[in-house]
Amino acid sequence: MKTFQTLSELAACTGQEVAVSDWITITQQQVNLFAEATGDHQWIHVDPEKARSGPFGGPIAHGFLTLSLLPRFFESSFEITGSRMGVNYGLNKVRFTAPVPVGSRLRARMKLLSAEPMEPAGMQMIWEVTVECEGLAKPVCIAESIVRRYA
């Protein structure tokens, strides 16, 4: 895990890949709990037996489950000791470029696209987050995430 002392120190990394997260294993239990929380009970996610005969050969995670892991990816990648809190501000772009089979491992690469100071004592950052699935050549999700951090 990388450590930055200040928001300005992190802002100096604009245009660079800043960090790579830890791996996260996607379980059927996570998928089922996500289905319960969102009401999205499509069989491709929650019925492993039926999903085996589906287009992906087994159950896959919801795209929005993958997207909801962004805060966890950030948290496992770096910390800013001079920042007391951060909030998700939104997304500019999101693409789910490949399915995420249940049982697979994901990690994210974070590239800082921009960092603009905000009053009082904050910074708005735009991140390109590329979520990789172990063993797949192409990413499973690419998102442009807007995060606000406060000192």
N, C-alpha and C. Protein backbone atom coordinates (compact mmCIF):
# COMPACT_ATOMS: atom_id res chain seq x y z
N MET A 1 0.85 -1.18 0.00
CA MET A 1 0.00 0.00 0.00
C MET A 1 0.89 1.24 0.00
N LYS A 2 0.54 2.19 -0.85
CA LYS A 2 1.27 3.45 -0.90
C LYS A 2 0.70 4.42 0.13
N THR A 3 1.56 5.28 0.62
CA THR A 3 1.13 6.30 1.57
C THR A 3 1.55 7.66 1.06
N PHE A 4 0.59 8.58 1.06
CA PHE A 4 0.85 9.98 0.71
C PHE A 4 0.59 10.80 1.97
N GLN A 5 1.45 11.79 2.18
CA GLN A 5 1.30 12.63 3.37
C GLN A 5 0.23 13.70 3.20
N THR A 6 0.09 14.22 1.98
CA THR A 6 -0.85 15.32 1.74
C THR A 6 -1.59 15.09 0.42
N LEU A 7 -2.67 15.84 0.26
CA LEU A 7 -3.40 15.82 -1.00
C LEU A 7 -2.54 16.35 -2.14
N SER A 8 -1.72 17.35 -1.84
CA SER A 8 -0.83 17.92 -2.86
C SER A 8 0.19 16.90 -3.34
N GLU A 9 0.68 16.09 -2.44
CA GLU A 9 1.63 15.04 -2.82
C GLU A 9 0.97 14.05 -3.79
N LEU A 10 -0.26 13.70 -3.52
CA LEU A 10 -0.99 12.82 -4.43
C LEU A 10 -1.27 13.52 -5.76
N ALA A 11 -1.66 14.79 -5.71
CA ALA A 11 -1.96 15.55 -6.93
C ALA A 11 -0.76 15.60 -7.87
N ALA A 12 0.43 15.55 -7.33
CA ALA A 12 1.64 15.57 -8.16
C ALA A 12 1.75 14.32 -9.05
N CYS A 13 0.93 13.31 -8.78
CA CYS A 13 0.93 12.07 -9.57
C CYS A 13 -0.06 12.12 -10.73
N THR A 14 -0.66 13.27 -10.99
CA THR A 14 -1.63 13.39 -12.08
C THR A 14 -1.02 12.89 -13.39
N GLY A 15 -1.81 12.06 -14.10
CA GLY A 15 -1.36 11.48 -15.35
C GLY A 15 -0.67 10.14 -15.20
N GLN A 16 -0.51 9.67 -13.97
CA GLN A 16 0.21 8.42 -13.70
C GLN A 16 -0.69 7.36 -13.08
N GLU A 17 -0.30 6.10 -13.25
CA GLU A 17 -0.93 5.05 -12.46
C GLU A 17 -0.38 5.19 -11.05
N VAL A 18 -1.28 5.38 -10.10
CA VAL A 18 -0.89 5.65 -8.72
C VAL A 18 -0.76 4.36 -7.91
N ALA A 19 -1.67 3.42 -8.15
CA ALA A 19 -1.67 2.23 -7.30
C ALA A 19 -2.42 1.09 -7.97
N VAL A 20 -2.16 -0.11 -7.44
CA VAL A 20 -2.88 -1.32 -7.83
C VAL A 20 -3.42 -1.93 -6.54
N SER A 21 -4.70 -2.29 -6.55
CA SER A 21 -5.34 -2.80 -5.33
C SER A 21 -4.93 -4.24 -5.03
N ASP A 22 -5.35 -4.68 -3.86
CA ASP A 22 -5.27 -6.10 -3.52
C ASP A 22 -6.30 -6.86 -4.35
N TRP A 23 -6.12 -8.17 -4.45
CA TRP A 23 -7.10 -9.03 -5.12
C TRP A 23 -8.30 -9.25 -4.21
N ILE A 24 -9.48 -9.35 -4.81
CA ILE A 24 -10.73 -9.65 -4.11
C ILE A 24 -11.37 -10.84 -4.82
N THR A 25 -11.74 -11.87 -4.08
CA THR A 25 -12.43 -13.02 -4.66
C THR A 25 -13.93 -12.78 -4.63
N ILE A 26 -14.58 -13.00 -5.76
CA ILE A 26 -16.03 -12.81 -5.86
C ILE A 26 -16.70 -14.14 -5.55
N THR A 27 -17.53 -14.16 -4.50
CA THR A 27 -18.19 -15.39 -4.07
C THR A 27 -19.67 -15.37 -4.45
N GLN A 28 -20.25 -16.55 -4.49
CA GLN A 28 -21.69 -16.65 -4.76
C GLN A 28 -22.48 -15.97 -3.65
N GLN A 29 -21.98 -16.06 -2.42
CA GLN A 29 -22.66 -15.40 -1.30
C GLN A 29 -22.72 -13.89 -1.52
N GLN A 30 -21.60 -13.28 -1.97
CA GLN A 30 -21.61 -11.84 -2.26
C GLN A 30 -22.64 -11.51 -3.33
N VAL A 31 -22.67 -12.32 -4.37
CA VAL A 31 -23.61 -12.09 -5.47
C VAL A 31 -25.05 -12.20 -4.96
N ASN A 32 -25.33 -13.22 -4.15
CA ASN A 32 -26.68 -13.39 -3.60
C ASN A 32 -27.07 -12.22 -2.70
N LEU A 33 -26.14 -11.78 -1.85
CA LEU A 33 -26.43 -10.64 -0.97
C LEU A 33 -26.66 -9.37 -1.78
N PHE A 34 -25.89 -9.18 -2.85
CA PHE A 34 -26.08 -8.02 -3.71
C PHE A 34 -27.46 -8.08 -4.36
N ALA A 35 -27.87 -9.28 -4.81
CA ALA A 35 -29.20 -9.46 -5.40
C ALA A 35 -30.28 -9.10 -4.38
N GLU A 36 -30.10 -9.52 -3.14
CA GLU A 36 -31.07 -9.18 -2.09
C GLU A 36 -31.14 -7.68 -1.86
N ALA A 37 -29.98 -7.04 -1.83
CA ALA A 37 -29.93 -5.60 -1.55
C ALA A 37 -30.53 -4.78 -2.68
N THR A 38 -30.40 -5.26 -3.92
CA THR A 38 -30.83 -4.45 -5.07
C THR A 38 -32.12 -4.93 -5.71
N GLY A 39 -32.54 -6.15 -5.40
CA GLY A 39 -33.73 -6.70 -6.03
C GLY A 39 -33.47 -7.27 -7.42
N ASP A 40 -32.21 -7.38 -7.81
CA ASP A 40 -31.85 -7.92 -9.13
C ASP A 40 -31.54 -9.40 -8.96
N HIS A 41 -32.56 -10.23 -9.17
CA HIS A 41 -32.43 -11.68 -8.96
C HIS A 41 -32.36 -12.45 -10.28
N GLN A 42 -31.81 -11.83 -11.32
CA GLN A 42 -31.71 -12.51 -12.61
C GLN A 42 -30.95 -13.82 -12.44
N TRP A 43 -31.44 -14.88 -13.08
CA TRP A 43 -30.89 -16.23 -12.90
C TRP A 43 -29.41 -16.32 -13.25
N ILE A 44 -28.91 -15.52 -14.16
CA ILE A 44 -27.50 -15.58 -14.55
C ILE A 44 -26.58 -15.26 -13.37
N HIS A 45 -27.16 -14.61 -12.35
CA HIS A 45 -26.39 -14.25 -11.15
C HIS A 45 -26.65 -15.22 -9.99
N VAL A 46 -27.91 -15.59 -9.77
CA VAL A 46 -28.28 -16.25 -8.51
C VAL A 46 -28.67 -17.72 -8.62
N ASP A 47 -28.71 -18.27 -9.83
CA ASP A 47 -29.07 -19.68 -10.00
C ASP A 47 -27.90 -20.41 -10.67
N PRO A 48 -26.93 -20.87 -9.86
CA PRO A 48 -25.73 -21.50 -10.42
C PRO A 48 -26.02 -22.67 -11.36
N GLU A 49 -27.01 -23.49 -11.02
CA GLU A 49 -27.31 -24.65 -11.87
C GLU A 49 -27.82 -24.21 -13.24
N LYS A 50 -28.77 -23.32 -13.27
CA LYS A 50 -29.29 -22.82 -14.55
C LYS A 50 -28.21 -22.04 -15.30
N ALA A 51 -27.40 -21.28 -14.57
CA ALA A 51 -26.35 -20.46 -15.20
C ALA A 51 -25.30 -21.32 -15.90
N ARG A 52 -25.10 -22.56 -15.42
CA ARG A 52 -24.12 -23.44 -16.07
C ARG A 52 -24.49 -23.71 -17.53
N SER A 53 -25.78 -23.68 -17.84
CA SER A 53 -26.20 -23.90 -19.23
C SER A 53 -26.42 -22.58 -19.96
N GLY A 54 -26.08 -21.48 -19.32
CA GLY A 54 -26.23 -20.15 -19.92
C GLY A 54 -25.03 -19.78 -20.77
N PRO A 55 -25.01 -18.55 -21.24
CA PRO A 55 -23.98 -18.12 -22.19
C PRO A 55 -22.57 -18.01 -21.60
N PHE A 56 -22.43 -17.99 -20.27
CA PHE A 56 -21.12 -17.81 -19.65
C PHE A 56 -20.62 -19.06 -18.94
N GLY A 57 -21.40 -20.15 -18.97
CA GLY A 57 -20.97 -21.41 -18.39
C GLY A 57 -21.03 -21.46 -16.87
N GLY A 58 -21.64 -20.48 -16.27
CA GLY A 58 -21.78 -20.43 -14.82
C GLY A 58 -22.27 -19.06 -14.41
N PRO A 59 -22.53 -18.89 -13.12
CA PRO A 59 -23.04 -17.59 -12.65
C PRO A 59 -21.97 -16.50 -12.76
N ILE A 60 -22.44 -15.29 -13.01
CA ILE A 60 -21.55 -14.13 -13.09
C ILE A 60 -22.03 -13.07 -12.10
N ALA A 61 -21.10 -12.24 -11.67
CA ALA A 61 -21.43 -11.14 -10.77
C ALA A 61 -22.20 -10.06 -11.53
N HIS A 62 -23.04 -9.35 -10.83
CA HIS A 62 -23.71 -8.19 -11.39
C HIS A 62 -22.65 -7.15 -11.76
N GLY A 63 -22.83 -6.46 -12.87
CA GLY A 63 -21.91 -5.38 -13.22
C GLY A 63 -21.84 -4.34 -12.12
N PHE A 64 -23.00 -4.02 -11.54
CA PHE A 64 -23.00 -3.00 -10.49
C PHE A 64 -22.37 -3.49 -9.19
N LEU A 65 -22.30 -4.80 -8.99
CA LEU A 65 -21.53 -5.32 -7.86
C LEU A 65 -20.05 -5.02 -8.07
N THR A 66 -19.58 -5.28 -9.28
CA THR A 66 -18.18 -4.97 -9.61
C THR A 66 -17.91 -3.48 -9.39
N LEU A 67 -18.80 -2.64 -9.87
CA LEU A 67 -18.64 -1.19 -9.71
C LEU A 67 -18.67 -0.78 -8.24
N SER A 68 -19.50 -1.44 -7.44
CA SER A 68 -19.61 -1.07 -6.02
C SER A 68 -18.35 -1.40 -5.23
N LEU A 69 -17.44 -2.16 -5.82
CA LEU A 69 -16.19 -2.50 -5.15
C LEU A 69 -15.13 -1.40 -5.26
N LEU A 70 -15.40 -0.35 -6.05
CA LEU A 70 -14.40 0.70 -6.23
C LEU A 70 -13.88 1.27 -4.91
N PRO A 71 -14.75 1.62 -3.94
CA PRO A 71 -14.20 2.13 -2.68
C PRO A 71 -13.27 1.14 -1.98
N ARG A 72 -13.60 -0.12 -2.05
CA ARG A 72 -12.74 -1.15 -1.44
C ARG A 72 -11.39 -1.23 -2.15
N PHE A 73 -11.41 -1.12 -3.48
CA PHE A 73 -10.16 -1.12 -4.24
C PHE A 73 -9.29 0.08 -3.83
N PHE A 74 -9.90 1.26 -3.74
CA PHE A 74 -9.14 2.44 -3.33
C PHE A 74 -8.55 2.24 -1.94
N GLU A 75 -9.38 1.75 -1.01
CA GLU A 75 -8.94 1.59 0.38
C GLU A 75 -7.77 0.64 0.52
N SER A 76 -7.70 -0.37 -0.32
CA SER A 76 -6.61 -1.34 -0.20
C SER A 76 -5.36 -0.94 -0.99
N SER A 77 -5.42 0.22 -1.67
CA SER A 77 -4.33 0.61 -2.56
C SER A 77 -3.41 1.68 -1.99
N PHE A 78 -4.02 2.68 -1.37
CA PHE A 78 -3.20 3.79 -0.84
C PHE A 78 -3.97 4.51 0.25
N GLU A 79 -3.19 5.27 1.02
CA GLU A 79 -3.80 6.13 2.05
C GLU A 79 -3.17 7.51 1.97
N ILE A 80 -3.93 8.48 2.43
CA ILE A 80 -3.45 9.86 2.50
C ILE A 80 -3.54 10.26 3.96
N THR A 81 -2.41 10.30 4.64
CA THR A 81 -2.44 10.56 6.08
C THR A 81 -2.95 11.97 6.39
N GLY A 82 -2.77 12.91 5.47
CA GLY A 82 -3.23 14.27 5.70
C GLY A 82 -4.66 14.53 5.26
N SER A 83 -5.43 13.47 5.03
CA SER A 83 -6.83 13.61 4.62
C SER A 83 -7.71 12.90 5.64
N ARG A 84 -8.69 13.61 6.17
CA ARG A 84 -9.53 13.01 7.19
C ARG A 84 -10.69 12.22 6.64
N MET A 85 -11.09 12.51 5.37
CA MET A 85 -12.22 11.78 4.79
C MET A 85 -12.29 11.96 3.29
N GLY A 86 -13.00 11.05 2.65
CA GLY A 86 -13.25 11.14 1.23
C GLY A 86 -14.69 10.75 0.94
N VAL A 87 -15.23 11.26 -0.15
CA VAL A 87 -16.59 10.91 -0.56
C VAL A 87 -16.62 10.65 -2.07
N ASN A 88 -17.49 9.74 -2.45
CA ASN A 88 -17.73 9.52 -3.87
C ASN A 88 -18.58 10.67 -4.37
N TYR A 89 -18.17 11.28 -5.46
CA TYR A 89 -18.92 12.41 -6.02
C TYR A 89 -19.71 11.99 -7.25
N GLY A 90 -19.25 10.94 -7.93
CA GLY A 90 -19.98 10.47 -9.10
C GLY A 90 -19.09 9.74 -10.07
N LEU A 91 -19.64 9.54 -11.24
CA LEU A 91 -18.94 8.82 -12.30
C LEU A 91 -19.14 9.57 -13.61
N ASN A 92 -18.11 9.62 -14.43
CA ASN A 92 -18.24 10.19 -15.76
C ASN A 92 -18.55 9.11 -16.78
N LYS A 93 -17.87 8.00 -16.69
CA LYS A 93 -18.03 6.91 -17.66
C LYS A 93 -17.89 5.59 -16.93
N VAL A 94 -18.67 4.61 -17.38
CA VAL A 94 -18.54 3.24 -16.87
C VAL A 94 -18.81 2.29 -18.02
N ARG A 95 -17.95 1.30 -18.14
CA ARG A 95 -18.15 0.25 -19.13
C ARG A 95 -17.86 -1.09 -18.47
N PHE A 96 -18.77 -2.06 -18.68
CA PHE A 96 -18.56 -3.42 -18.22
C PHE A 96 -18.12 -4.22 -19.45
N THR A 97 -16.83 -4.42 -19.57
CA THR A 97 -16.24 -4.92 -20.82
C THR A 97 -16.13 -6.45 -20.91
N ALA A 98 -16.36 -7.14 -19.81
CA ALA A 98 -16.33 -8.61 -19.81
C ALA A 98 -17.06 -9.10 -18.56
N PRO A 99 -17.66 -10.31 -18.63
CA PRO A 99 -18.34 -10.85 -17.46
C PRO A 99 -17.35 -11.24 -16.36
N VAL A 100 -17.84 -11.24 -15.12
CA VAL A 100 -17.04 -11.63 -13.95
C VAL A 100 -17.61 -12.94 -13.41
N PRO A 101 -16.97 -14.07 -13.72
CA PRO A 101 -17.46 -15.35 -13.20
C PRO A 101 -17.35 -15.42 -11.67
N VAL A 102 -18.36 -15.98 -11.05
CA VAL A 102 -18.30 -16.20 -9.61
C VAL A 102 -17.09 -17.10 -9.33
N GLY A 103 -16.34 -16.75 -8.31
CA GLY A 103 -15.13 -17.48 -7.94
C GLY A 103 -13.86 -16.85 -8.48
N SER A 104 -14.01 -15.85 -9.34
CA SER A 104 -12.81 -15.21 -9.90
C SER A 104 -12.27 -14.15 -8.94
N ARG A 105 -11.04 -13.73 -9.22
CA ARG A 105 -10.39 -12.70 -8.41
C ARG A 105 -10.24 -11.43 -9.22
N LEU A 106 -10.57 -10.31 -8.57
CA LEU A 106 -10.49 -9.00 -9.21
C LEU A 106 -9.51 -8.11 -8.48
N ARG A 107 -8.92 -7.19 -9.23
CA ARG A 107 -8.13 -6.11 -8.65
C ARG A 107 -8.31 -4.91 -9.56
N ALA A 108 -7.89 -3.75 -9.07
CA ALA A 108 -8.05 -2.52 -9.85
C ALA A 108 -6.74 -1.76 -9.95
N ARG A 109 -6.57 -1.12 -11.10
CA ARG A 109 -5.47 -0.20 -11.34
C ARG A 109 -6.06 1.20 -11.34
N MET A 110 -5.44 2.11 -10.57
CA MET A 110 -5.95 3.47 -10.45
C MET A 110 -4.97 4.47 -11.06
N LYS A 111 -5.47 5.17 -12.08
CA LYS A 111 -4.69 6.22 -12.72
C LYS A 111 -5.36 7.55 -12.40
N LEU A 112 -4.60 8.49 -11.87
CA LEU A 112 -5.13 9.81 -11.52
C LEU A 112 -5.16 10.68 -12.78
N LEU A 113 -6.35 11.01 -13.25
CA LEU A 113 -6.50 11.81 -14.46
C LEU A 113 -6.42 13.31 -14.18
N SER A 114 -7.01 13.74 -13.05
CA SER A 114 -6.94 15.16 -12.70
C SER A 114 -7.13 15.33 -11.20
N ALA A 115 -6.64 16.45 -10.69
CA ALA A 115 -6.77 16.80 -9.27
C ALA A 115 -6.89 18.32 -9.18
N GLU A 116 -8.07 18.76 -8.75
CA GLU A 116 -8.34 20.20 -8.65
C GLU A 116 -8.63 20.58 -7.21
N PRO A 117 -7.95 21.61 -6.70
CA PRO A 117 -8.22 22.06 -5.32
C PRO A 117 -9.67 22.53 -5.16
N MET A 118 -10.23 22.29 -3.98
CA MET A 118 -11.58 22.74 -3.61
C MET A 118 -11.51 23.40 -2.25
N GLU A 119 -12.33 24.38 -2.06
CA GLU A 119 -12.44 25.01 -0.74
C GLU A 119 -13.55 24.31 0.04
N PRO A 120 -13.42 24.14 1.32
CA PRO A 120 -12.24 24.43 2.14
C PRO A 120 -11.33 23.21 2.24
N ALA A 121 -10.09 23.38 1.96
CA ALA A 121 -9.04 22.37 2.17
C ALA A 121 -9.36 21.01 1.58
N GLY A 122 -9.80 21.00 0.34
CA GLY A 122 -10.12 19.72 -0.28
C GLY A 122 -9.57 19.61 -1.68
N MET A 123 -9.84 18.48 -2.30
CA MET A 123 -9.41 18.25 -3.67
C MET A 123 -10.41 17.33 -4.35
N GLN A 124 -10.78 17.68 -5.57
CA GLN A 124 -11.61 16.80 -6.39
C GLN A 124 -10.70 16.12 -7.39
N MET A 125 -10.78 14.78 -7.40
CA MET A 125 -9.91 13.99 -8.26
C MET A 125 -10.76 13.14 -9.19
N ILE A 126 -10.29 13.01 -10.41
CA ILE A 126 -10.92 12.10 -11.36
C ILE A 126 -9.93 10.96 -11.62
N TRP A 127 -10.42 9.76 -11.41
CA TRP A 127 -9.61 8.55 -11.51
C TRP A 127 -10.11 7.66 -12.64
N GLU A 128 -9.18 7.12 -13.41
CA GLU A 128 -9.52 6.04 -14.32
C GLU A 128 -9.23 4.75 -13.58
N VAL A 129 -10.28 3.98 -13.35
CA VAL A 129 -10.15 2.72 -12.61
C VAL A 129 -10.39 1.58 -13.58
N THR A 130 -9.39 0.73 -13.72
CA THR A 130 -9.47 -0.42 -14.61
C THR A 130 -9.50 -1.67 -13.74
N VAL A 131 -10.62 -2.38 -13.78
CA VAL A 131 -10.78 -3.59 -12.96
C VAL A 131 -10.39 -4.80 -13.81
N GLU A 132 -9.43 -5.55 -13.29
CA GLU A 132 -8.91 -6.73 -13.97
C GLU A 132 -9.42 -8.00 -13.28
N CYS A 133 -9.62 -9.03 -14.09
CA CYS A 133 -9.98 -10.35 -13.59
C CYS A 133 -8.79 -11.26 -13.83
N GLU A 134 -8.32 -11.90 -12.79
CA GLU A 134 -7.15 -12.77 -12.89
C GLU A 134 -7.35 -13.79 -14.01
N GLY A 135 -6.38 -13.86 -14.91
CA GLY A 135 -6.41 -14.83 -15.99
C GLY A 135 -7.08 -14.34 -17.27
N LEU A 136 -7.71 -13.18 -17.24
CA LEU A 136 -8.33 -12.64 -18.45
C LEU A 136 -7.43 -11.56 -19.04
N ALA A 137 -7.37 -11.53 -20.35
CA ALA A 137 -6.51 -10.56 -21.04
C ALA A 137 -7.09 -9.15 -21.02
N LYS A 138 -8.43 -9.03 -21.05
CA LYS A 138 -9.02 -7.70 -21.07
C LYS A 138 -9.69 -7.39 -19.75
N PRO A 139 -9.82 -6.11 -19.42
CA PRO A 139 -10.46 -5.75 -18.15
C PRO A 139 -11.94 -6.09 -18.14
N VAL A 140 -12.52 -6.17 -16.94
CA VAL A 140 -13.95 -6.46 -16.81
C VAL A 140 -14.77 -5.20 -16.60
N CYS A 141 -14.11 -4.13 -16.17
CA CYS A 141 -14.80 -2.85 -15.95
C CYS A 141 -13.78 -1.73 -16.07
N ILE A 142 -14.20 -0.67 -16.73
CA ILE A 142 -13.40 0.55 -16.78
C ILE A 142 -14.33 1.69 -16.38
N ALA A 143 -13.93 2.43 -15.36
CA ALA A 143 -14.78 3.50 -14.84
C ALA A 143 -13.97 4.76 -14.60
N GLU A 144 -14.60 5.87 -14.84
CA GLU A 144 -14.00 7.17 -14.51
C GLU A 144 -14.74 7.66 -13.26
N SER A 145 -14.05 7.59 -12.14
CA SER A 145 -14.63 7.86 -10.83
C SER A 145 -14.21 9.24 -10.32
N ILE A 146 -15.17 10.00 -9.82
CA ILE A 146 -14.89 11.31 -9.25
C ILE A 146 -14.95 11.19 -7.74
N VAL A 147 -13.85 11.56 -7.09
CA VAL A 147 -13.73 11.44 -5.64
C VAL A 147 -13.33 12.80 -5.08
N ARG A 148 -13.96 13.15 -3.96
CA ARG A 148 -13.56 14.36 -3.24
C ARG A 148 -12.94 13.94 -1.92
N ARG A 149 -11.75 14.52 -1.64
CA ARG A 149 -11.05 14.26 -0.38
C ARG A 149 -10.90 15.58 0.35
N TYR A 150 -10.94 15.50 1.67
CA TYR A 150 -10.83 16.69 2.51
C TYR A 150 -9.72 16.53 3.54
N ALA A 151 -8.93 17.57 3.71
CA ALA A 151 -7.81 17.54 4.67
C ALA A 151 -8.33 17.78 6.08
